[in-house]
Amino acid sequence: MLDQDEVEKLIKQAQSGDENAKTVLLTENAPLIKSIIRRFKGRGIEYDDLFQLGCIGFLKAIKNFSFDYNVRFSTYAVPMITGEVKRYLRDNGYIKVSRSIKSDAAKINSYIESYRQQHGTSPSVDEISTYFSIDAQELVFILDSAKMPLSIYDDPEDEKSQPIIEKLSSPTNENDNIDRIMLKDLINSLSERDKKIILLRYFRGSTQCEVARVMGVSQVQISRLENRILGMMKDEFKKDG
């Protein structure tokens, strides 16, 4: 393991064009790269190709890193590596949904439409879960399986909403990569209900009405909950930044 002084020395050498320094940094950080790309396995891309993408992101991190950021290089490199893989997946078909999931989604949507016609309202998540004997979280995944996950920098499908990163970051915070790390930690700290609302709204691109239907509540309730969650996250974001 390299200590911080050795890492800084190698980064400076690599930024000056020293290929051997780049190789050493890549070798020492291979476990980090592998831990990141592991989450993208099973999405139609060979593991070796994923690793190459991770290495490209890592090399970009070396090139663009500045010691003025006042963060560890590994902290800066993580979103660069992740972003490179996600960019490729987005441009080349992010997720290949299996036929079984597509089939399940069609059955569930058919049930929801039938229920709506009979009762004049949409079934709750619990009602759907009970009917199909599946876990609620699995149900949410199936319902959104055909949708492209969005970046925290992309606009959700709701035209009135902004990218979540714009709702949280301050105008003076120009380090988007650090923002991404902080945002991930904030989302992971949310309750399961709040996390589900944020993921559906800003990563699945669902409108408030669609989220309300999935959660079994009204659109007004989702709007209030979303504003409360974002307000809390913004306060934490400013505090950490």
Protein backbone atom coordinates (compact mmCIF):
# COMPACT_ATOMS: atom_id res chain seq x y z
CA MET A 1 0.00 0.00 0.00
CA LEU A 2 1.23 3.47 -0.90
CA ASP A 3 1.17 6.18 1.74
CA GLN A 4 -0.28 9.61 0.99
CA ASP A 5 3.08 11.20 0.23
CA GLU A 6 3.94 8.47 -2.27
CA VAL A 7 0.54 8.83 -3.94
CA GLU A 8 0.98 12.58 -4.31
CA LYS A 9 4.46 12.13 -5.75
CA LEU A 10 3.24 9.56 -8.28
CA ILE A 11 0.29 11.73 -9.31
CA LYS A 12 2.57 14.67 -10.00
CA GLN A 13 4.88 12.43 -12.03
CA ALA A 14 1.96 10.94 -13.93
CA GLN A 15 0.54 14.36 -14.71
CA SER A 16 3.95 15.27 -16.11
CA GLY A 17 3.77 12.35 -18.53
CA ASP A 18 5.52 9.58 -16.56
CA GLU A 19 3.89 6.39 -17.88
CA ASN A 20 5.56 4.23 -15.22
CA ALA A 21 3.93 6.36 -12.49
CA LYS A 22 0.53 5.83 -14.13
CA THR A 23 1.14 2.08 -14.21
CA VAL A 24 2.07 1.99 -10.53
CA LEU A 25 -1.03 3.96 -9.57
CA LEU A 26 -3.23 1.72 -11.70
CA THR A 27 -1.73 -1.43 -10.19
CA GLU A 28 -2.07 -0.19 -6.62
CA ASN A 29 -5.64 0.92 -7.20
CA ALA A 30 -6.81 -2.12 -9.16
CA PRO A 31 -8.81 -3.43 -6.13
CA LEU A 32 -10.63 -0.10 -5.94
CA ILE A 33 -11.49 -0.19 -9.65
CA LYS A 34 -12.68 -3.80 -9.39
CA SER A 35 -14.87 -3.04 -6.39
CA ILE A 36 -16.59 -0.27 -8.36
CA ILE A 37 -17.16 -2.15 -11.62
CA ARG A 38 -18.46 -5.22 -9.77
CA ARG A 39 -21.84 -3.53 -9.35
CA PHE A 40 -22.20 -3.29 -13.14
CA LYS A 41 -21.76 -7.01 -13.83
CA GLY A 42 -24.62 -8.77 -15.59
CA ARG A 43 -25.53 -5.82 -17.80
CA GLY A 44 -24.37 -7.21 -21.11
CA ILE A 45 -20.71 -6.15 -20.93
CA GLU A 46 -17.77 -8.46 -20.34
CA TYR A 47 -15.91 -8.05 -17.06
CA ASP A 48 -12.62 -7.29 -18.83
CA ASP A 49 -14.31 -4.52 -20.81
CA LEU A 50 -15.76 -3.09 -17.61
CA PHE A 51 -12.31 -3.11 -16.07
CA GLN A 52 -10.87 -1.28 -19.08
CA LEU A 53 -13.59 1.36 -18.73
CA GLY A 54 -12.77 1.67 -15.05
CA CYS A 55 -9.10 2.16 -15.90
CA ILE A 56 -9.99 4.88 -18.40
CA GLY A 57 -11.97 6.68 -15.71
CA PHE A 58 -9.08 6.26 -13.29
CA LEU A 59 -6.61 7.75 -15.76
CA LYS A 60 -8.95 10.69 -16.31
CA ALA A 61 -9.01 11.17 -12.55
CA ILE A 62 -5.21 11.34 -12.52
CA LYS A 63 -5.20 13.89 -15.33
CA ASN A 64 -7.86 16.15 -13.81
CA PHE A 65 -7.01 15.84 -10.12
CA SER A 66 -5.86 18.93 -8.25
CA PHE A 67 -4.40 19.02 -4.75
CA ASP A 68 -6.38 22.21 -4.24
CA TYR A 69 -9.50 20.03 -3.89
CA ASN A 70 -8.32 19.08 -0.38
CA VAL A 71 -9.61 15.51 -0.69
CA ARG A 72 -7.87 12.17 -0.97
CA PHE A 73 -7.20 11.13 -4.54
CA SER A 74 -9.14 7.88 -4.09
CA THR A 75 -12.21 9.90 -3.00
CA TYR A 76 -11.94 11.97 -6.17
CA ALA A 77 -11.33 8.92 -8.38
CA VAL A 78 -14.42 6.93 -7.35
CA PRO A 79 -17.05 9.05 -9.18
CA MET A 80 -14.73 9.44 -12.17
CA ILE A 81 -14.48 5.66 -12.53
CA THR A 82 -18.20 5.18 -11.97
CA GLY A 83 -19.06 7.96 -14.39
CA GLU A 84 -16.97 6.45 -17.18
CA VAL A 85 -18.76 3.11 -16.88
CA LYS A 86 -22.20 4.72 -16.60
CA ARG A 87 -21.51 6.92 -19.60
CA TYR A 88 -20.67 3.90 -21.71
CA LEU A 89 -23.71 1.98 -20.48
CA ARG A 90 -25.97 4.97 -21.13
CA ASP A 91 -24.67 5.41 -24.66
CA ASN A 92 -24.71 1.72 -25.45
CA GLY A 93 -27.86 0.52 -23.71
CA TYR A 94 -27.71 0.93 -19.93
CA ILE A 95 -29.54 -2.18 -18.74
CA LYS A 96 -30.72 -5.24 -20.60
CA VAL A 97 -33.99 -6.23 -18.97
CA SER A 98 -34.66 -9.97 -18.97
CA ARG A 99 -37.74 -11.40 -20.66
CA SER A 100 -39.06 -12.69 -17.35
CA ILE A 101 -38.96 -9.21 -15.80
CA LYS A 102 -40.64 -7.71 -18.86
CA SER A 103 -43.31 -10.39 -18.61
CA ASP A 104 -43.84 -9.73 -14.89
CA ALA A 105 -44.04 -5.98 -15.53
CA ALA A 106 -46.71 -6.51 -18.19
CA LYS A 107 -48.78 -8.69 -15.84
CA ILE A 108 -48.51 -6.18 -12.99
CA ASN A 109 -49.43 -3.23 -15.19
CA SER A 110 -52.39 -5.19 -16.53
CA TYR A 111 -53.53 -5.91 -12.97
CA ILE A 112 -53.15 -2.22 -12.00
CA GLU A 113 -55.23 -1.11 -14.98
CA SER A 114 -57.91 -3.73 -14.26
CA TYR A 115 -58.00 -2.72 -10.58
CA ARG A 116 -58.27 0.95 -11.53
CA GLN A 117 -61.25 0.26 -13.80
CA GLN A 118 -63.03 -1.73 -11.11
CA HIS A 119 -62.33 0.47 -8.10
CA GLY A 120 -61.75 3.90 -9.59
CA THR A 121 -58.33 4.15 -7.91
CA SER A 122 -54.91 2.53 -8.16
CA PRO A 123 -53.92 -0.36 -5.88
CA SER A 124 -51.29 0.27 -3.21
CA VAL A 125 -47.87 -1.36 -3.28
CA ASP A 126 -48.95 -3.70 -0.48
CA GLU A 127 -52.06 -4.78 -2.38
CA ILE A 128 -50.06 -5.52 -5.52
CA SER A 129 -47.33 -7.30 -3.52
CA THR A 130 -49.93 -9.50 -1.83
CA TYR A 131 -51.69 -10.31 -5.09
CA PHE A 132 -48.47 -11.39 -6.82
CA SER A 133 -46.74 -12.73 -3.68
CA ILE A 134 -43.60 -10.67 -4.22
CA ASP A 135 -41.58 -8.32 -2.04
CA ALA A 136 -42.49 -4.62 -2.23
CA GLN A 137 -38.97 -3.56 -3.24
CA GLU A 138 -38.91 -6.19 -5.98
CA LEU A 139 -42.27 -4.88 -7.16
CA VAL A 140 -40.92 -1.33 -7.47
CA PHE A 141 -37.94 -2.60 -9.45
CA ILE A 142 -40.16 -4.58 -11.84
CA LEU A 143 -42.52 -1.65 -12.36
CA ASP A 144 -39.59 0.56 -13.36
CA SER A 145 -37.58 -2.11 -15.18
CA ALA A 146 -38.26 -0.66 -18.61
CA LYS A 147 -37.13 2.86 -17.63
CA MET A 148 -33.64 4.21 -18.15
CA PRO A 149 -31.97 5.17 -14.86
CA LEU A 150 -31.03 8.85 -14.81
CA SER A 151 -27.93 10.65 -13.66
CA ILE A 152 -28.16 13.06 -10.73
CA TYR A 153 -27.23 15.70 -13.33
CA ASP A 154 -30.01 14.80 -15.80
CA ASP A 155 -33.52 16.26 -15.82
CA PRO A 156 -36.25 13.96 -14.48
CA GLU A 157 -39.21 13.36 -16.77
CA ASP A 158 -41.29 15.81 -14.74
CA GLU A 159 -40.69 19.04 -16.68
CA LYS A 160 -41.24 21.17 -13.55
CA SER A 161 -38.39 19.52 -11.69
CA GLN A 162 -34.63 20.12 -11.76
CA PRO A 163 -31.78 17.62 -11.57
CA ILE A 164 -31.37 16.62 -7.94
CA ILE A 165 -27.76 17.88 -7.83
CA GLU A 166 -28.98 21.41 -8.72
CA LYS A 167 -31.50 21.29 -5.87
CA LEU A 168 -28.79 20.48 -3.35
CA SER A 169 -25.48 22.07 -4.38
CA SER A 170 -24.65 25.66 -3.70
CA PRO A 171 -23.75 27.99 -6.61
CA THR A 172 -20.17 28.23 -5.36
CA ASN A 173 -19.61 24.49 -5.26
CA GLU A 174 -17.92 23.67 -8.56
CA ASN A 175 -16.58 20.25 -7.64
CA ASP A 176 -19.29 18.01 -9.06
CA ASN A 177 -17.36 14.84 -8.33
CA ILE A 178 -17.21 15.54 -4.61
CA ASP A 179 -20.89 16.53 -4.73
CA ARG A 180 -21.70 13.12 -6.15
CA ILE A 181 -19.97 11.31 -3.28
CA MET A 182 -21.70 13.44 -0.66
CA LEU A 183 -25.06 12.94 -2.35
CA LYS A 184 -24.66 9.17 -2.39
CA ASP A 185 -23.96 9.15 1.35
CA LEU A 186 -26.98 11.37 1.99
CA ILE A 187 -29.30 9.10 0.01
CA ASN A 188 -28.00 6.02 1.79
CA SER A 189 -28.77 7.64 5.14
CA LEU A 190 -32.47 8.14 4.29
CA SER A 191 -35.28 5.93 5.54
CA GLU A 192 -36.46 3.25 3.11
CA ARG A 193 -39.57 5.23 2.21
CA ASP A 194 -37.71 8.51 1.64
CA LYS A 195 -34.96 6.75 -0.30
CA LYS A 196 -37.54 5.07 -2.53
CA ILE A 197 -39.18 8.43 -3.33
CA ILE A 198 -35.85 10.04 -4.29
CA LEU A 199 -34.72 7.04 -6.36
CA LEU A 200 -38.00 6.86 -8.24
CA ARG A 201 -38.14 10.62 -8.86
CA TYR A 202 -34.52 11.36 -9.74
CA PHE A 203 -32.92 8.08 -10.79
CA ARG A 204 -35.88 6.33 -12.45
CA GLY A 205 -37.34 9.53 -13.88
CA SER A 206 -40.85 8.93 -12.49
CA THR A 207 -43.29 11.84 -12.17
CA GLN A 208 -44.88 12.64 -8.82
CA CYS A 209 -48.13 11.06 -10.01
CA GLU A 210 -46.31 7.83 -10.93
CA VAL A 211 -44.54 7.75 -7.56
CA ALA A 212 -47.84 8.36 -5.80
CA ARG A 213 -49.35 5.41 -7.64
CA VAL A 214 -46.47 3.13 -6.67
CA MET A 215 -46.49 4.28 -3.05
CA GLY A 216 -50.26 4.14 -2.72
CA VAL A 217 -50.69 7.79 -1.68
CA SER A 218 -51.80 11.03 -3.33
CA GLN A 219 -49.66 13.22 -5.58
CA VAL A 220 -50.02 16.05 -3.04
CA GLN A 221 -48.53 13.84 -0.32
CA ILE A 222 -45.60 12.91 -2.57
CA SER A 223 -45.01 16.60 -3.34
CA ARG A 224 -44.92 17.44 0.36
CA LEU A 225 -42.69 14.49 1.20
CA GLU A 226 -40.31 15.28 -1.66
CA ASN A 227 -39.97 18.91 -0.57
CA ARG A 228 -39.31 17.85 3.01
CA ILE A 229 -36.70 15.27 1.99
CA LEU A 230 -34.91 17.67 -0.36
CA GLY A 231 -34.94 20.40 2.27
CA MET A 232 -33.39 18.07 4.83
CA MET A 233 -30.81 16.84 2.33
CA LYS A 234 -29.95 20.39 1.27
CA ASP A 235 -29.32 21.37 4.89
CA GLU A 236 -27.03 18.35 5.36
CA PHE A 237 -25.34 19.01 2.03
CA LYS A 238 -24.50 22.59 3.00
CA LYS A 239 -23.35 21.47 6.45
CA ASP A 240 -20.97 18.86 4.99
CA GLY A 241 -19.79 21.19 2.21
